Protein backbone atom coordinates (compact mmCIF):
# COMPACT_ATOMS: atom_id res chain seq x y z
CA UNK A 1 79.96 39.77 155.64
CA UNK A 2 76.44 40.84 154.93
CA UNK A 3 77.01 44.24 156.62
CA UNK A 4 80.13 44.90 154.94
CA UNK A 5 78.29 44.08 151.41
CA UNK A 6 75.74 46.72 152.47
CA UNK A 7 78.39 49.13 153.57
CA UNK A 8 79.86 48.61 150.07
CA UNK A 9 77.15 49.27 148.22
CA UNK A 10 76.51 52.82 149.95
CA UNK A 11 80.26 53.54 149.50
CA UNK A 12 79.56 53.04 145.60
CA UNK A 13 76.59 54.73 145.20
CA UNK A 14 78.37 57.70 147.46
CA UNK A 15 80.97 57.69 144.84
CA UNK A 16 79.18 57.61 141.94
CA UNK A 17 77.11 60.59 143.35
CA UNK A 18 80.21 62.33 143.51
CA UNK A 19 81.56 61.81 140.25
CA UNK A 20 78.29 62.85 138.87
CA UNK A 21 78.63 66.37 140.53
CA UNK A 22 82.07 66.51 139.24
CA UNK A 23 80.98 65.69 135.85
CA UNK A 24 78.17 68.08 136.23
CA UNK A 25 80.54 70.79 137.28
CA UNK A 26 83.07 70.03 134.74
CA UNK A 27 80.37 70.39 131.91
CA UNK A 28 78.99 73.57 133.70
CA UNK A 29 82.55 74.95 133.52
CA UNK A 30 83.36 74.27 130.01
CA UNK A 31 79.90 75.93 128.94
CA UNK A 32 80.64 79.47 130.84
CA UNK A 33 84.22 79.57 130.11
CA UNK A 34 85.34 77.86 127.30
CA UNK A 35 85.00 80.64 124.26
CA UNK A 36 81.84 79.69 121.61
CA UNK A 37 83.80 79.62 118.15
CA UNK A 38 80.76 81.17 115.94
CA UNK A 39 80.39 83.61 113.51
CA UNK A 40 78.26 86.15 115.99
CA UNK A 41 81.13 86.96 117.98
CA UNK A 42 83.76 87.40 115.39
CA UNK A 43 84.42 89.26 112.08
CA UNK A 44 84.82 87.11 109.00
CA UNK A 45 87.49 87.42 106.21
CA UNK A 46 88.75 85.20 103.14
CA UNK A 47 91.72 83.87 102.85
CA UNK A 48 93.81 86.20 99.86
CA UNK A 49 96.86 83.91 99.13
CA UNK A 50 96.97 80.55 97.36
CA UNK A 51 98.14 78.93 100.69
CA UNK A 52 97.82 80.25 104.32
CA UNK A 53 99.21 78.64 107.27
CA UNK A 54 97.45 78.06 110.82
CA UNK A 55 99.50 77.72 113.81
CA UNK A 56 99.24 76.99 117.27
CA UNK A 57 100.57 80.29 118.75
CA UNK A 58 100.95 83.95 117.39
CA UNK A 59 104.23 83.77 116.01
CA UNK A 60 105.84 82.50 112.91
CA UNK A 61 107.96 79.88 114.80
CA UNK A 62 104.93 78.40 116.54
CA UNK A 63 103.76 74.61 116.05
CA UNK A 64 101.86 74.03 112.47
CA UNK A 65 98.27 72.67 113.20
CA UNK A 66 96.83 72.86 109.91
CA UNK A 67 96.48 75.06 106.24
CA UNK A 68 94.07 77.22 104.67
CA UNK A 69 93.15 77.54 101.00
CA UNK A 70 92.37 80.73 99.43
CA UNK A 71 88.90 81.82 99.51
CA UNK A 72 88.21 80.13 101.99
CA UNK A 73 86.31 81.71 105.47
CA UNK A 74 88.00 82.66 108.58
CA UNK A 75 85.83 84.02 111.40
CA UNK A 76 88.48 86.59 113.28
CA UNK A 77 87.78 86.65 117.34
CA UNK A 78 90.67 89.39 118.31
CA UNK A 79 94.26 90.77 116.88
CA UNK A 80 97.47 90.79 118.00
CA UNK A 81 100.53 92.19 116.79
CA UNK A 82 99.74 90.99 113.03
CA UNK A 83 98.29 87.53 113.90
CA UNK A 84 94.56 86.85 113.88
CA UNK A 85 93.10 84.18 116.09
CA UNK A 86 90.38 81.95 115.00
CA UNK A 87 89.54 78.38 115.64
CA UNK A 88 90.74 75.45 113.60
CA UNK A 89 89.27 72.15 113.91
CA UNK A 90 87.83 73.24 117.40
CA UNK A 91 91.14 74.69 119.33
CA UNK A 92 92.26 78.47 119.27
CA UNK A 93 94.31 78.58 115.91
CA UNK A 94 96.18 82.20 114.95
CA UNK A 95 96.76 83.42 110.95
CA UNK A 96 98.92 86.38 109.64
CA UNK A 97 96.17 88.78 109.68
CA UNK A 98 97.96 90.75 105.99
CA UNK A 99 96.64 87.72 104.14
CA UNK A 100 92.80 88.28 105.38
CA UNK A 101 90.54 90.11 103.27
CA UNK A 102 87.72 91.85 104.66
CA UNK A 103 84.80 89.69 104.09
CA UNK A 104 82.11 92.68 104.05
CA UNK A 105 79.17 90.81 103.64
CA UNK A 106 79.60 88.37 106.61
CA UNK A 107 81.07 91.22 108.49
CA UNK A 108 78.62 93.34 108.97
CA UNK A 109 75.46 91.25 108.75
CA UNK A 110 76.62 89.94 112.39
CA UNK A 111 74.73 90.25 115.19
CA UNK A 112 76.05 93.39 116.22
CA UNK A 113 74.96 95.48 113.30
CA UNK A 114 72.11 97.85 114.69
CA UNK A 115 70.46 99.14 111.69
CA UNK A 116 69.60 103.15 111.88
CA UNK A 117 65.99 104.48 110.54
CA UNK A 118 66.34 105.26 106.73
CA UNK A 119 66.06 108.85 107.33
CA UNK A 120 69.47 109.14 109.53
CA UNK A 121 71.87 111.52 108.08
CA UNK A 122 75.54 111.87 109.10
CA UNK A 123 78.28 114.98 109.37
CA UNK A 124 81.79 114.19 108.38
CA UNK A 125 83.65 116.57 111.51
CA UNK A 126 87.25 116.52 109.72
CA UNK A 127 89.07 116.27 106.43
CA UNK A 128 90.47 113.39 105.08
CA UNK A 129 88.57 110.84 107.07
CA UNK A 130 88.97 107.38 105.87
CA UNK A 131 86.45 105.28 104.18
CA UNK A 132 86.41 101.52 104.77
CA UNK A 133 85.31 98.51 103.50
CA UNK A 134 84.20 97.11 107.03
CA UNK A 135 83.89 98.44 110.83
CA UNK A 136 87.71 99.05 111.91
CA UNK A 137 90.88 100.69 111.09
CA UNK A 138 91.95 96.90 110.21
CA UNK A 139 89.46 96.86 106.81
CA UNK A 140 90.65 98.34 103.38
CA UNK A 141 90.63 101.90 102.75
CA UNK A 142 88.33 102.51 99.68
CA UNK A 143 88.84 106.70 100.08
CA UNK A 144 88.22 109.49 101.65
CA UNK A 145 85.44 112.51 102.94
CA UNK A 146 86.19 116.02 103.28
CA UNK A 147 84.70 117.62 106.51
CA UNK A 148 80.67 118.73 106.29
CA UNK A 149 80.39 115.87 103.81
CA UNK A 150 76.99 113.92 104.48
CA UNK A 151 76.09 110.36 104.27
CA UNK A 152 72.81 108.33 104.48
CA UNK A 153 73.40 106.38 107.93
CA UNK A 154 72.34 102.95 107.59
CA UNK A 155 73.80 100.66 110.22
CA UNK A 156 76.28 101.20 113.40
CA UNK A 157 78.61 98.47 114.79
CA UNK A 158 80.84 99.53 117.89
CA UNK A 159 82.19 102.83 117.02
CA UNK A 160 81.72 102.63 113.15
CA UNK A 161 78.93 103.87 111.21
CA UNK A 162 78.06 101.92 107.71
CA UNK A 163 77.10 104.80 104.71
CA UNK A 164 75.93 105.31 101.61
CA UNK A 165 77.91 106.49 98.96
CA UNK A 166 76.91 108.57 96.04
CA UNK A 167 76.72 105.66 93.63
CA UNK A 168 75.12 103.50 95.87
CA UNK A 169 77.48 101.78 97.25
CA UNK A 170 78.54 101.15 100.73
CA UNK A 171 81.15 102.00 103.09
CA UNK A 172 82.51 102.51 107.07
CA UNK A 173 83.56 105.15 108.61
CA UNK A 174 84.32 105.87 112.34
CA UNK A 175 81.64 107.46 114.25
CA UNK A 176 83.57 109.48 115.91
CA UNK A 177 84.61 111.76 113.58
CA UNK A 178 81.18 112.37 112.58
CA UNK A 179 78.86 114.19 113.91
CA UNK A 180 74.05 113.72 113.16
CA UNK A 181 72.61 115.99 111.00
CA UNK A 182 69.19 116.43 109.38
CA UNK A 183 70.70 118.12 106.54
CA UNK A 184 70.92 116.24 102.98
CA UNK A 185 73.46 118.13 101.10
CA UNK A 186 73.98 115.83 98.10
CA UNK A 187 76.40 117.69 96.25
CA UNK A 188 78.94 117.84 99.04
CA UNK A 189 78.17 113.58 99.33
CA UNK A 190 78.96 113.19 95.60
CA UNK A 191 82.16 115.48 96.17
CA UNK A 192 83.33 113.10 98.70
CA UNK A 193 82.12 109.82 96.75
CA UNK A 194 84.07 111.29 93.61
CA UNK A 195 87.19 111.76 96.19
CA UNK A 196 87.11 107.98 97.16
CA UNK A 197 87.54 106.93 93.64
CA UNK A 198 90.42 109.10 92.08
CA UNK A 199 93.19 107.24 93.99
CA UNK A 200 94.60 110.45 94.71
CA UNK A 201 94.21 112.63 91.69
CA UNK A 202 91.63 114.99 93.46
CA UNK A 203 94.11 115.70 96.38
CA UNK A 204 96.60 117.46 94.09
CA UNK A 205 95.09 121.20 94.30
CA UNK A 206 97.20 124.18 95.25
CA UNK A 207 100.73 124.83 95.41
CA UNK A 208 102.65 124.91 98.81
CA UNK A 209 103.45 128.42 98.13
CA UNK A 210 104.15 130.59 101.03
CA UNK A 211 104.17 127.52 103.65
CA UNK A 212 107.10 126.66 105.95
CA UNK A 213 107.56 123.21 106.57
CA UNK A 214 110.19 121.51 108.93
CA UNK A 215 111.36 118.23 108.33
CA UNK A 216 112.77 116.03 110.60
CA UNK A 217 115.05 112.97 109.51
CA UNK A 218 114.38 110.81 112.88
CA UNK A 219 117.47 109.59 114.31
CA UNK A 220 121.28 110.13 113.32
CA UNK A 221 124.86 110.45 114.68
CA UNK A 222 125.70 107.95 117.52
CA UNK A 223 122.00 107.20 117.45
CA UNK A 224 121.07 104.32 115.01
CA UNK A 225 117.28 104.08 115.34
CA UNK A 226 116.17 100.82 114.86
CA UNK A 227 118.09 98.05 113.40
CA UNK A 228 116.59 95.91 110.64
CA UNK A 229 117.30 92.81 108.46
CA UNK A 230 120.82 93.10 106.88
CA UNK A 231 122.00 95.44 108.59
CA UNK A 232 119.14 98.13 107.69
CA UNK A 233 119.52 101.25 110.18
CA UNK A 234 116.70 103.52 110.59
CA UNK A 235 118.69 106.79 110.54
CA UNK A 236 119.73 106.12 107.10
CA UNK A 237 116.14 105.58 105.77
CA UNK A 238 115.10 108.52 107.55
CA UNK A 239 117.60 110.88 105.96
CA UNK A 240 117.32 109.44 102.22
CA UNK A 241 113.81 109.48 102.48
CA UNK A 242 113.50 113.10 103.88
CA UNK A 243 115.68 114.30 101.19
CA UNK A 244 113.40 113.02 98.55
CA UNK A 245 110.30 114.58 100.55
CA UNK A 246 112.15 117.78 100.22
CA UNK A 247 113.13 118.22 96.87
CA UNK A 248 108.99 117.35 95.99
CA UNK A 249 107.98 120.10 98.76
CA UNK A 250 110.01 122.84 97.13
CA UNK A 251 108.87 122.12 93.96
CA UNK A 252 105.54 122.37 95.26
CA UNK A 253 106.92 125.92 96.46
CA UNK A 254 106.74 125.34 99.75
CA UNK A 255 109.86 126.46 101.85
CA UNK A 256 112.00 123.21 103.81
CA UNK A 257 113.46 123.59 106.71
CA UNK A 258 115.59 120.19 107.70
CA UNK A 259 116.66 119.70 110.85
CA UNK A 260 120.26 117.45 109.91
CA UNK A 261 121.23 117.30 106.52
CA UNK A 262 123.86 114.44 107.37
CA UNK A 263 124.67 111.40 109.61
CA UNK A 264 124.81 113.65 112.90
CA UNK A 265 123.13 113.75 116.33
CA UNK A 266 120.70 115.91 117.08
CA UNK A 267 118.87 115.63 120.83
CA UNK A 268 114.92 115.70 120.63
CA UNK A 269 114.74 119.12 122.54
CA UNK A 270 117.21 120.54 119.22
CA UNK A 271 114.96 119.47 116.53
CA UNK A 272 112.05 121.07 118.62
CA UNK A 273 113.86 124.29 119.23
CA UNK A 274 114.80 124.04 115.72
CA UNK A 275 110.84 123.66 114.86
CA UNK A 276 109.71 126.57 116.97
CA UNK A 277 112.89 129.00 115.80
CA UNK A 278 110.75 129.26 112.43
CA UNK A 279 107.40 130.76 111.85
CA UNK A 280 106.63 126.98 111.10
CA UNK A 281 103.56 125.87 109.16
CA UNK A 282 103.65 122.20 110.19
CA UNK A 283 106.48 119.87 111.40
CA UNK A 284 106.90 116.48 109.85
CA UNK A 285 108.64 113.70 111.56
CA UNK A 286 110.09 110.54 109.23
CA UNK A 287 110.84 107.34 111.11
CA UNK A 288 110.54 103.43 110.34
CA UNK A 289 109.68 101.12 112.96
CA UNK A 290 110.77 97.57 114.02
CA UNK A 291 109.26 94.53 115.97
CA UNK A 292 110.27 91.51 117.24
CA UNK A 293 107.63 89.69 115.17
CA UNK A 294 109.07 90.06 111.34
CA UNK A 295 105.28 89.38 110.11
CA UNK A 296 104.69 92.86 111.45
CA UNK A 297 104.10 95.64 108.85
CA UNK A 298 102.37 98.76 108.10
CA UNK A 299 102.63 102.37 107.73
CA UNK A 300 100.86 104.84 110.37
CA UNK A 301 100.64 108.46 111.21
CA UNK A 302 101.09 110.14 114.95
CA UNK A 303 99.80 112.97 116.50
CA UNK A 304 99.61 114.12 119.92
CA UNK A 305 96.49 116.61 120.77
CA UNK A 306 93.66 115.32 120.31
CA UNK A 307 91.02 116.50 118.37
CA UNK A 308 93.07 119.72 117.11
CA UNK A 309 94.61 120.51 114.32
CA UNK A 310 97.42 117.81 114.46
CA UNK A 311 94.92 115.04 114.55
CA UNK A 312 93.60 116.69 111.42
CA UNK A 313 97.01 116.65 109.88
CA UNK A 314 97.94 113.10 110.39
CA UNK A 315 94.32 111.87 109.23
CA UNK A 316 95.07 113.93 106.31
CA UNK A 317 98.57 112.52 105.53
CA UNK A 318 97.85 109.05 106.59
CA UNK A 319 94.60 109.42 103.30
CA UNK A 320 97.47 110.40 100.78
CA UNK A 321 100.02 107.76 102.02
CA UNK A 322 97.67 105.09 101.49
CA UNK A 323 96.57 106.14 97.83
CA UNK A 324 100.66 106.16 97.26
CA UNK A 325 102.08 103.42 98.57
CA UNK A 326 101.28 99.35 98.36
CA UNK A 327 101.53 99.09 102.39
CA UNK A 328 99.28 97.96 105.18
CA UNK A 329 97.55 101.19 106.82
CA UNK A 330 97.82 100.87 110.69
CA UNK A 331 96.10 103.94 111.40
CA UNK A 332 96.64 107.38 112.81
CA UNK A 333 97.38 107.04 116.51
CA UNK A 334 97.56 109.64 119.43
CA UNK A 335 101.42 109.11 121.19
CA UNK A 336 103.12 110.94 123.32
CA UNK A 337 106.80 111.58 121.43
CA UNK A 338 108.84 114.34 122.56
CA UNK A 339 108.98 115.76 119.54
CA UNK A 340 104.75 116.11 119.41
CA UNK A 341 104.34 116.68 122.95
CA UNK A 342 106.44 119.49 123.14
CA UNK A 343 106.59 121.03 119.97
CA UNK A 344 104.29 124.63 119.77
CA UNK A 345 103.92 123.93 116.20
CA UNK A 346 101.55 122.01 114.32
CA UNK A 347 103.03 118.46 114.30
CA UNK A 348 102.99 114.85 113.12
CA UNK A 349 105.13 112.17 113.24
CA UNK A 350 105.41 109.21 110.52
CA UNK A 351 106.39 105.65 110.75
CA UNK A 352 106.88 104.87 107.20
CA UNK A 353 107.12 100.79 107.33
CA UNK A 354 108.83 98.14 109.20
CA UNK A 355 112.64 97.20 108.69
CA UNK A 356 112.61 93.94 110.85
CA UNK A 357 109.96 93.03 107.86
CA UNK A 358 111.26 91.34 104.86
CA UNK A 359 108.60 92.57 102.41
CA UNK A 360 108.63 96.23 104.36
CA UNK A 361 112.29 96.55 103.94
CA UNK A 362 112.63 95.52 100.30
CA UNK A 363 110.53 97.75 99.24
CA UNK A 364 111.12 101.17 101.80
CA UNK A 365 115.09 101.30 100.24
CA UNK A 366 113.67 101.68 96.27
CA UNK A 367 113.55 105.12 94.98
CA UNK A 368 109.84 104.52 94.00
CA UNK A 369 108.53 104.28 97.40
CA UNK A 370 110.27 107.07 98.96
CA UNK A 371 109.17 109.36 96.01
CA UNK A 372 105.58 107.66 96.29
CA UNK A 373 106.15 108.99 100.04
CA UNK A 374 107.30 112.43 99.01
CA UNK A 375 104.46 112.77 97.09
CA UNK A 376 102.10 111.50 99.50
CA UNK A 377 103.53 113.82 102.65
CA UNK A 378 102.77 116.52 99.94
CA UNK A 379 99.64 115.44 98.68
CA UNK A 380 98.58 115.29 102.21
CA UNK A 381 99.84 119.00 103.19
CA UNK A 382 98.00 120.58 100.19
CA UNK A 383 94.66 118.56 101.42
CA UNK A 384 95.03 120.27 104.90
CA UNK A 385 96.21 123.85 103.98
CA UNK A 386 93.61 123.71 101.27
């Protein structure tokens, strides 16, 4: 009996050591691999609506695990198709990003911001470059700058520079669209600031007389394009919008060539062939977007040739759109669309909203929205050409 007691005691001690090592291993795993929910690893936003639902996953049909009130701060760690990932009650959670407003003070003061010497200046390397409230394309556009404008550089976060505007306020600009400079062109800097505060009036410069614009209404005929809410068809919206854009461009003096004027099917090659058959100054293809997640919305402009004139035109049109339409800014993107890739002319493709989103779908069908789009494209072209 004494021997059995000794063996049992040794077994207990062995098992205790085992459990201790396993417990230590679990704690070590949690420490290393679980994400830390702290403000230093994410960007801060404020809730911009009276009540914001918190869900367990980035989907509108996922479980509701909480609710936030207007003005509450949310730390966002990543975004995915219109959803922002944060932490709620110590767990990973998701909220619709469209209802968040950048909290510039908290986000710009995070540990990732590297402050620069006070005598550093940068020059803008393209026309129509957006100025934003924070370091990323998800932040609000507050204006735009022109090629050659210079700004005092006060900080950098990732691929974004924080700059000082002429009125002493700060803004963020994409670093890849700037270059270092020691020239302090204060008159040019003031001009850019005035542009950012003009709500689009600065872009109305010269007419489009003498310019040939090919306007491409996407899809048509047997190709309905994207299908949206309440039976919306992309091909119908692109045609009605293209007609409105045509009227405004012609009133500005442009010669407009339409790839299609009715509900007819044209191959992608035929659309490019039409463009290349003329002395085309710009080819603009109009489209509307769709996505399975119905909360996704906004406007974007696409180009193929990276760093060339196509990119500059895309930026100019996107900037003008943000000054004219009340829609989320999805920015400009280099995209491999056939009508852009195979086109020898200056070419961009514009996605003017999501017909699978209730707000976008209701907005883009109105005469006012299509008129605003037409005025924006005209202003974007005038800014680029003049």
